[in-house]
C-alpha atoms as a PDB file:
ATOM      1  CA  MET A   1     125.817 130.583  52.411  1.00  0.00           C
ATOM      2  CA  SER A   2     128.343 132.616  54.158  1.00  0.00           C
ATOM      3  CA  THR A   3     129.770 131.389  57.396  1.00  0.00           C
ATOM      4  CA  ASP A   4     131.025 134.448  59.100  1.00  0.00           C
ATOM      5  CA  ALA A   5     129.956 138.050  59.702  1.00  0.00           C
ATOM      6  CA  GLY A   6     131.940 141.089  60.684  1.00  0.00           C
ATOM      7  CA  THR A   7     135.361 140.901  62.279  1.00  0.00           C
ATOM      8  CA  ASP A   8     135.940 138.115  64.764  1.00  0.00           C
ATOM      9  CA  GLU A   9     137.289 138.940  68.125  1.00  0.00           C
ATOM     10  CA  GLN A  10     141.101 138.896  68.229  1.00  0.00           C
ATOM     11  CA  SER A  11     142.547 135.803  69.650  1.00  0.00           C
ATOM     12  CA  ALA A  12     145.655 133.686  68.842  1.00  0.00           C
ATOM     13  CA  PRO A  13     145.239 131.041  67.714  1.00  0.00           C
ATOM     14  CA  ASP A  14     141.612 131.659  66.776  1.00  0.00           C
ATOM     15  CA  VAL A  15     139.520 128.588  65.844  1.00  0.00           C
ATOM     16  CA  MET A  16     136.933 130.714  63.945  1.00  0.00           C
ATOM     17  CA  ARG A  17     139.548 132.288  61.790  1.00  0.00           C
ATOM     18  CA  ALA A  18     140.973 128.802  61.053  1.00  0.00           C
ATOM     19  CA  LEU A  19     137.595 127.529  60.143  1.00  0.00           C
ATOM     20  CA  ARG A  20     136.960 130.454  57.814  1.00  0.00           C
ATOM     21  CA  THR A  21     140.339 130.138  56.061  1.00  0.00           C
ATOM     22  CA  ALA A  22     140.476 126.380  55.910  1.00  0.00           C
ATOM     23  CA  THR A  23     136.980 125.913  54.483  1.00  0.00           C
ATOM     24  CA  ALA A  24     137.166 128.772  51.926  1.00  0.00           C
ATOM     25  CA  ALA A  25     137.537 126.490  48.806  1.00  0.00           C
ATOM     26  CA  GLU A  26     134.899 123.964  50.005  1.00  0.00           C
ATOM     27  CA  HIS A  27     132.524 126.775  50.880  1.00  0.00           C
ATOM     28  CA  GLN A  28     132.911 128.315  47.424  1.00  0.00           C
ATOM     29  CA  GLN A  29     132.443 124.984  45.736  1.00  0.00           C
ATOM     30  CA  LEU A  30     129.056 124.593  47.550  1.00  0.00           C
ATOM     31  CA  GLU A  31     127.933 128.072  46.618  1.00  0.00           C
ATOM     32  CA  ASP A  32     128.841 127.524  42.981  1.00  0.00           C
ATOM     33  CA  THR A  33     126.926 124.177  43.065  1.00  0.00           C
ATOM     34  CA  LEU A  34     123.680 125.593  44.555  1.00  0.00           C
ATOM     35  CA  ASP A  35     123.812 128.756  42.503  1.00  0.00           C
ATOM     36  CA  LEU A  36     120.959 130.305  44.486  1.00  0.00           C
ATOM     37  CA  MET A  37     121.960 133.823  43.564  1.00  0.00           C
ATOM     38  CA  ASP A  38     121.184 133.167  39.937  1.00  0.00           C
ATOM     39  CA  ALA A  39     119.156 135.876  38.295  1.00  0.00           C
ATOM     40  CA  ASP A  40     117.199 133.395  36.321  1.00  0.00           C
ATOM     41  CA  LEU A  41     116.344 131.083  39.284  1.00  0.00           C
ATOM     42  CA  THR A  42     112.998 129.364  38.659  1.00  0.00           C
ATOM     43  CA  VAL A  43     110.582 127.869  41.178  1.00  0.00           C
ATOM     44  CA  PRO A  44     111.216 124.306  39.971  1.00  0.00           C
ATOM     45  CA  ARG A  45     114.973 124.633  40.460  1.00  0.00           C
ATOM     46  CA  LEU A  46     114.604 126.389  43.876  1.00  0.00           C
ATOM     47  CA  ALA A  47     112.321 123.417  44.820  1.00  0.00           C
ATOM     48  CA  ALA A  48     114.992 120.920  43.593  1.00  0.00           C
ATOM     49  CA  VAL A  49     117.617 122.677  45.652  1.00  0.00           C
ATOM     50  CA  LEU A  50     115.376 122.703  48.716  1.00  0.00           C
ATOM     51  CA  GLN A  51     114.707 118.996  48.313  1.00  0.00           C
ATOM     52  CA  ARG A  52     118.424 118.207  48.422  1.00  0.00           C
ATOM     53  CA  MET A  53     119.014 120.578  51.317  1.00  0.00           C
ATOM     54  CA  HIS A  54     116.097 119.068  53.270  1.00  0.00           C
ATOM     55  CA  ALA A  55     117.432 115.599  52.939  1.00  0.00           C
ATOM     56  CA  PHE A  56     121.037 116.725  53.898  1.00  0.00           C
ATOM     57  CA  TRP A  57     119.653 118.468  57.006  1.00  0.00           C
ATOM     58  CA  VAL A  58     117.633 115.511  58.074  1.00  0.00           C
ATOM     59  CA  ALA A  59     120.797 113.200  57.835  1.00  0.00           C
ATOM     60  CA  ALA A  60     123.016 115.750  59.527  1.00  0.00           C
ATOM     61  CA  GLU A  61     120.546 116.576  62.335  1.00  0.00           C
ATOM     62  CA  THR A  62     119.957 112.808  62.943  1.00  0.00           C
ATOM     63  CA  GLY A  63     123.690 112.525  63.685  1.00  0.00           C
ATOM     64  CA  LEU A  64     123.794 115.679  65.756  1.00  0.00           C
ATOM     65  CA  ASP A  65     120.755 114.541  67.714  1.00  0.00           C
ATOM     66  CA  ALA A  66     122.679 111.346  68.597  1.00  0.00           C
ATOM     67  CA  TRP A  67     125.681 113.485  69.636  1.00  0.00           C
ATOM     68  CA  ALA A  68     123.255 115.688  71.781  1.00  0.00           C
ATOM     69  CA  ALA A  69     121.877 112.622  73.482  1.00  0.00           C
ATOM     70  CA  ASP A  70     125.303 111.691  74.775  1.00  0.00           C
ATOM     71  CA  HIS A  71     126.307 115.263  75.627  1.00  0.00           C
ATOM     72  CA  PRO A  72     123.069 116.939  76.826  1.00  0.00           C
ATOM     73  CA  ALA A  73     124.716 119.690  78.875  1.00  0.00           C
ATOM     74  CA  VAL A  74     126.850 120.830  75.880  1.00  0.00           C
ATOM     75  CA  ALA A  75     123.849 120.591  73.439  1.00  0.00           C
ATOM     76  CA  GLU A  76     121.750 122.647  75.736  1.00  0.00           C
ATOM     77  CA  GLY A  77     124.526 125.272  76.112  1.00  0.00           C
ATOM     78  CA  LEU A  78     124.526 125.542  72.322  1.00  0.00           C
ATOM     79  CA  ASP A  79     120.768 125.577  72.206  1.00  0.00           C
ATOM     80  CA  TRP A  80     120.936 122.831  69.765  1.00  0.00           C
ATOM     81  CA  SER A  81     117.247 121.838  69.699  1.00  0.00           C
ATOM     82  CA  ALA A  82     116.246 125.470  68.583  1.00  0.00           C
ATOM     83  CA  ARG A  83     118.879 125.353  65.870  1.00  0.00           C
ATOM     84  CA  ARG A  84     117.328 122.446  64.003  1.00  0.00           C
ATOM     85  CA  ARG A  85     116.001 123.341  60.539  1.00  0.00           C
ATOM     86  CA  ALA A  86     115.037 120.223  58.607  1.00  0.00           C
ATOM     87  CA  HIS A  87     111.402 120.870  59.377  1.00  0.00           C
ATOM     88  CA  LEU A  88     111.635 124.385  57.971  1.00  0.00           C
ATOM     89  CA  PHE A  89     113.026 123.102  54.615  1.00  0.00           C
ATOM     90  CA  ALA A  90     110.062 120.579  54.599  1.00  0.00           C
ATOM     91  CA  ALA A  91     107.671 123.396  55.195  1.00  0.00           C
ATOM     92  CA  ASP A  92     109.148 125.596  52.405  1.00  0.00           C
ATOM     93  CA  LEU A  93     108.916 122.625  50.013  1.00  0.00           C
ATOM     94  CA  THR A  94     105.206 122.237  50.923  1.00  0.00           C
ATOM     95  CA  ALA A  95     104.618 125.892  50.338  1.00  0.00           C
ATOM     96  CA  LEU A  96     106.149 125.559  46.897  1.00  0.00           C
ATOM     97  CA  ASP A  97     103.766 122.570  46.162  1.00  0.00           C
ATOM     98  CA  ALA A  98     106.932 120.257  46.155  1.00  0.00           C
ATOM     99  CA  VAL A  99     107.373 117.045  48.060  1.00  0.00           C
ATOM    100  CA  PRO A 100     109.958 116.726  50.838  1.00  0.00           C
ATOM    101  CA  THR A 101     111.960 113.566  50.113  1.00  0.00           C
ATOM    102  CA  THR A 102     114.193 111.533  52.424  1.00  0.00           C
ATOM    103  CA  ASP A 103     114.699 108.477  50.403  1.00  0.00           C
ATOM    104  CA  PRO A 104     117.527 108.155  49.798  1.00  0.00           C
ATOM    105  CA  LEU A 105     119.402 110.211  52.427  1.00  0.00           C
ATOM    106  CA  PRO A 106     122.954 111.274  51.964  1.00  0.00           C
ATOM    107  CA  ALA A 107     125.572 109.382  54.061  1.00  0.00           C
ATOM    108  CA  VAL A 108     126.453 111.860  56.740  1.00  0.00           C
ATOM    109  CA  PRO A 109     128.361 110.287  59.687  1.00  0.00           C
ATOM    110  CA  ALA A 110     127.275 111.198  63.197  1.00  0.00           C
ATOM    111  CA  PRO A 111     129.825 113.294  65.035  1.00  0.00           C
ATOM    112  CA  ALA A 112     132.119 111.278  67.110  1.00  0.00           C
ATOM    113  CA  SER A 113     133.005 114.101  69.473  1.00  0.00           C
ATOM    114  CA  THR A 114     131.917 117.580  70.392  1.00  0.00           C
ATOM    115  CA  ASP A 115     134.786 118.747  68.112  1.00  0.00           C
ATOM    116  CA  GLU A 116     133.177 117.201  65.177  1.00  0.00           C
ATOM    117  CA  ALA A 117     129.657 118.386  66.245  1.00  0.00           C
ATOM    118  CA  LEU A 118     130.976 121.913  66.361  1.00  0.00           C
ATOM    119  CA  GLY A 119     132.534 121.557  62.931  1.00  0.00           C
ATOM    120  CA  ALA A 120     129.341 120.281  61.332  1.00  0.00           C
ATOM    121  CA  MET A 121     127.328 123.029  63.069  1.00  0.00           C
ATOM    122  CA  TYR A 122     129.797 125.661  61.798  1.00  0.00           C
ATOM    123  CA  VAL A 123     128.476 124.766  58.239  1.00  0.00           C
ATOM    124  CA  LEU A 124     124.811 124.420  59.193  1.00  0.00           C
ATOM    125  CA  GLU A 125     124.623 127.452  61.335  1.00  0.00           C
ATOM    126  CA  GLY A 126     126.863 129.529  59.196  1.00  0.00           C
ATOM    127  CA  SER A 127     124.513 129.146  56.312  1.00  0.00           C
ATOM    128  CA  THR A 128     121.936 131.449  58.068  1.00  0.00           C
ATOM    129  CA  LEU A 129     124.251 134.403  57.500  1.00  0.00           C
ATOM    130  CA  GLY A 130     124.370 133.975  53.686  1.00  0.00           C
ATOM    131  CA  GLY A 131     120.770 132.951  53.970  1.00  0.00           C
ATOM    132  CA  GLN A 132     119.761 136.650  54.608  1.00  0.00           C
ATOM    133  CA  PHE A 133     121.195 137.603  51.179  1.00  0.00           C
ATOM    134  CA  ILE A 134     119.496 134.586  49.572  1.00  0.00           C
ATOM    135  CA  ASP A 135     116.138 135.668  51.069  1.00  0.00           C
ATOM    136  CA  ARG A 136     116.607 139.237  49.689  1.00  0.00           C
ATOM    137  CA  HIS A 137     117.429 137.866  46.331  1.00  0.00           C
ATOM    138  CA  LEU A 138     114.523 135.530  46.127  1.00  0.00           C
ATOM    139  CA  ALA A 139     112.172 138.268  47.116  1.00  0.00           C
ATOM    140  CA  ALA A 140     113.335 140.419  44.206  1.00  0.00           C
ATOM    141  CA  LEU A 141     112.960 137.707  41.460  1.00  0.00           C
ATOM    142  CA  PRO A 142     110.017 138.247  39.129  1.00  0.00           C
ATOM    143  CA  ALA A 143     109.897 134.474  38.657  1.00  0.00           C
ATOM    144  CA  LEU A 144     109.071 133.948  42.284  1.00  0.00           C
ATOM    145  CA  ALA A 145     106.571 136.790  42.640  1.00  0.00           C
ATOM    146  CA  GLY A 146     103.628 135.561  44.686  1.00  0.00           C
ATOM    147  CA  VAL A 147     105.420 132.455  45.881  1.00  0.00           C
ATOM    148  CA  ALA A 148     105.044 131.896  49.674  1.00  0.00           C
ATOM    149  CA  THR A 149     107.985 133.117  51.815  1.00  0.00           C
ATOM    150  CA  VAL A 150     110.888 130.691  52.126  1.00  0.00           C
ATOM    151  CA  ARG A 151     111.905 130.534  55.849  1.00  0.00           C
ATOM    152  CA  ALA A 152     114.741 127.907  56.117  1.00  0.00           C
ATOM    153  CA  PHE A 153     117.521 129.959  54.613  1.00  0.00           C
ATOM    154  CA  SER A 154     117.356 132.663  57.265  1.00  0.00           C
ATOM    155  CA  PRO A 155     115.166 131.319  60.174  1.00  0.00           C
ATOM    156  CA  TYR A 156     116.326 133.751  62.969  1.00  0.00           C
ATOM    157  CA  GLY A 157     115.326 137.143  61.275  1.00  0.00           C
ATOM    158  CA  GLU A 158     116.830 140.007  63.315  1.00  0.00           C
ATOM    159  CA  ALA A 159     118.389 137.535  65.830  1.00  0.00           C
ATOM    160  CA  THR A 160     120.674 136.093  63.219  1.00  0.00           C
ATOM    161  CA  GLY A 161     123.755 137.971  64.250  1.00  0.00           C
ATOM    162  CA  ALA A 162     123.238 137.253  67.963  1.00  0.00           C
ATOM    163  CA  ARG A 163     122.724 133.580  67.301  1.00  0.00           C
ATOM    164  CA  TRP A 164     125.900 133.334  65.269  1.00  0.00           C
ATOM    165  CA  ALA A 165     127.844 135.345  67.876  1.00  0.00           C
ATOM    166  CA  ALA A 166     126.685 132.833  70.602  1.00  0.00           C
ATOM    167  CA  PHE A 167     127.914 129.887  68.377  1.00  0.00           C
ATOM    168  CA  ARG A 168     131.207 131.518  67.804  1.00  0.00           C
ATOM    169  CA  ARG A 169     131.654 132.163  71.470  1.00  0.00           C
ATOM    170  CA  ALA A 170     130.723 128.632  72.453  1.00  0.00           C
ATOM    171  CA  THR A 171     133.153 127.214  69.911  1.00  0.00           C
ATOM    172  CA  ARG A 172     136.027 129.374  70.972  1.00  0.00           C
ATOM    173  CA  GLU A 173     135.383 128.499  74.639  1.00  0.00           C
ATOM    174  CA  HIS A 174     135.351 124.805  73.786  1.00  0.00           C
ATOM    175  CA  VAL A 175     138.688 124.933  72.115  1.00  0.00           C
ATOM    176  CA  THR A 176     140.167 127.166  75.006  1.00  0.00           C
ATOM    177  CA  ARG A 177     139.059 124.410  77.491  1.00  0.00           C
ATOM    178  CA  GLY A 178     141.013 121.796  75.576  1.00  0.00           C
ATOM    179  CA  GLY A 179     139.052 120.990  72.432  1.00  0.00           C
ATOM    180  CA  ASP A 180     140.777 119.930  69.258  1.00  0.00           C
ATOM    181  CA  ALA A 181     140.730 122.827  66.782  1.00  0.00           C
ATOM    182  CA  ASP A 182     142.051 120.646  64.017  1.00  0.00           C
ATOM    183  CA  ALA A 183     139.180 118.189  64.500  1.00  0.00           C
ATOM    184  CA  VAL A 184     136.739 121.002  64.432  1.00  0.00           C
ATOM    185  CA  VAL A 185     138.117 122.259  61.122  1.00  0.00           C
ATOM    186  CA  GLY A 186     138.315 118.878  59.647  1.00  0.00           C
ATOM    187  CA  ALA A 187     134.668 118.105  60.469  1.00  0.00           C
ATOM    188  CA  ALA A 188     133.639 121.459  58.896  1.00  0.00           C
ATOM    189  CA  ARG A 189     135.512 120.655  55.679  1.00  0.00           C
ATOM    190  CA  ARG A 190     133.941 117.213  55.447  1.00  0.00           C
ATOM    191  CA  THR A 191     130.434 118.630  55.907  1.00  0.00           C
ATOM    192  CA  PHE A 192     130.985 121.196  53.149  1.00  0.00           C
ATOM    193  CA  VAL A 193     132.360 118.434  50.774  1.00  0.00           C
ATOM    194  CA  LEU A 194     129.445 116.059  51.605  1.00  0.00           C
ATOM    195  CA  MET A 195     126.827 118.700  51.006  1.00  0.00           C
ATOM    196  CA  ALA A 196     128.414 119.845  47.680  1.00  0.00           C
ATOM    197  CA  GLN A 197     128.607 116.187  46.523  1.00  0.00           C
ATOM    198  CA  TRP A 198     125.032 115.532  47.642  1.00  0.00           C
ATOM    199  CA  CYS A 199     123.809 118.563  45.587  1.00  0.00           C
ATOM    200  CA  ALA A 200     126.265 118.170  42.677  1.00  0.00           C
ATOM    201  CA  ASP A 201     123.598 116.898  40.167  1.00  0.00           C
ATOM    202  CA  VAL A 202     120.749 119.054  41.305  1.00  0.00           C
ATOM    203  CA  GLU A 203     118.565 120.280  38.488  1.00  0.00           C
ATOM    204  CA  GLN A 204     120.372 123.081  36.559  1.00  0.00           C
ATOM    205  CA  PRO A 205     118.718 125.756  34.367  1.00  0.00           C
ATOM    206  CA  ALA A 206     118.348 124.614  30.769  1.00  0.00           C
ATOM    207  CA  SER A 207     121.243 125.646  28.472  1.00  0.00           C
ATOM    208  CA  PRO A 208     120.547 127.440  25.315  1.00  0.00           C
ATOM    209  CA  PRO A 209     120.271 125.039  22.301  1.00  0.00           C
ATOM    210  CA  SER A 210     123.622 124.472  20.499  1.00  0.00           C
ATOM    211  CA  GLU A 211     124.086 125.077  16.844  1.00  0.00           C
ATOM    212  CA  PRO A 212     124.191 121.947  14.672  1.00  0.00           C
ATOM    213  CA  THR A 213     127.635 120.462  14.511  1.00  0.00           C
ATOM    214  CA  THR A 214     128.002 120.885  10.696  1.00  0.00           C
ATOM    215  CA  ARG A 215     127.139 124.582  10.911  1.00  0.00           C
ATOM    216  CA  ARG A 216     129.781 125.067  13.600  1.00  0.00           C
ATOM    217  CA  ARG A 217     132.419 123.321  11.530  1.00  0.00           C
ATOM    218  CA  GLY A 218     131.437 125.376   8.480  1.00  0.00           C
ATOM    219  CA  ALA A 219     131.766 128.704  10.518  1.00  0.00           C
ATOM    220  CA  ALA A 220     135.112 127.726  11.744  1.00  0.00           C
ATOM    221  CA  ALA A 221     136.642 126.757   8.357  1.00  0.00           C
END
C-alpha cells in the first residue's frame, strides 16, 4: 500500500518527504500485517482482509465527512467526495460472496483540523498507489482465477498518478499557507497504527502441522 510515487518536487522543508520518512516503519508494519502480496493468498483470506479494510474505511470516512462538513471549501478543493472508497470495499466483498461488516467499527477519531484530515488522507489515498501492484498480483494468482475483479485497491485506474499528484500539491500548498506539518505527519502515523492494530488478528494462512513434541526432542538429543 505504497504512499508515494516517483520523485517529489524539490522543496525545503517538504511535508511530503517528511510524511514518507516519518511513517516508513508504520507503513511497513501495515503491509506485513495485511500480507496481500502472499503467493498463497486465498479467497477466504482476501475476503477477511477486505472486511477489516471496509470497516476501517467506514470509520475513517465518517470522521472525514464530519471534517468536510465544517470545511466545505477545502474538502471540495481536495475532491473529497470522489475519494471515498468504503462503498467499493463493500462491493468487492459482495462480489466475493462475503458479507461487509461494520459491527464493530474501529475507533478512528474524527480529524480535529485540516492538518489531521490531510494526514489521514495521506494514508487512505496513498494506498491507491500500492493498490495497483496488489491488483496485478491478484490477477496472476491461480487461486483467484475466475473471481470477480476487485476494485477498491486501485479505484482510479489510469488516473491514479494524477489523483495522487493533486493530493500532494494540495497538501504542500496547505502547509505553505501556514498549516502545521507536524500535525499532518502525526495524524498520518496514527492512522497507519490504528489500521495495523485493527487488522492485526485478521485470518492468516494455516501453518503446516508441527511435529509431535516427543519426536522433536528425540531429534535434538
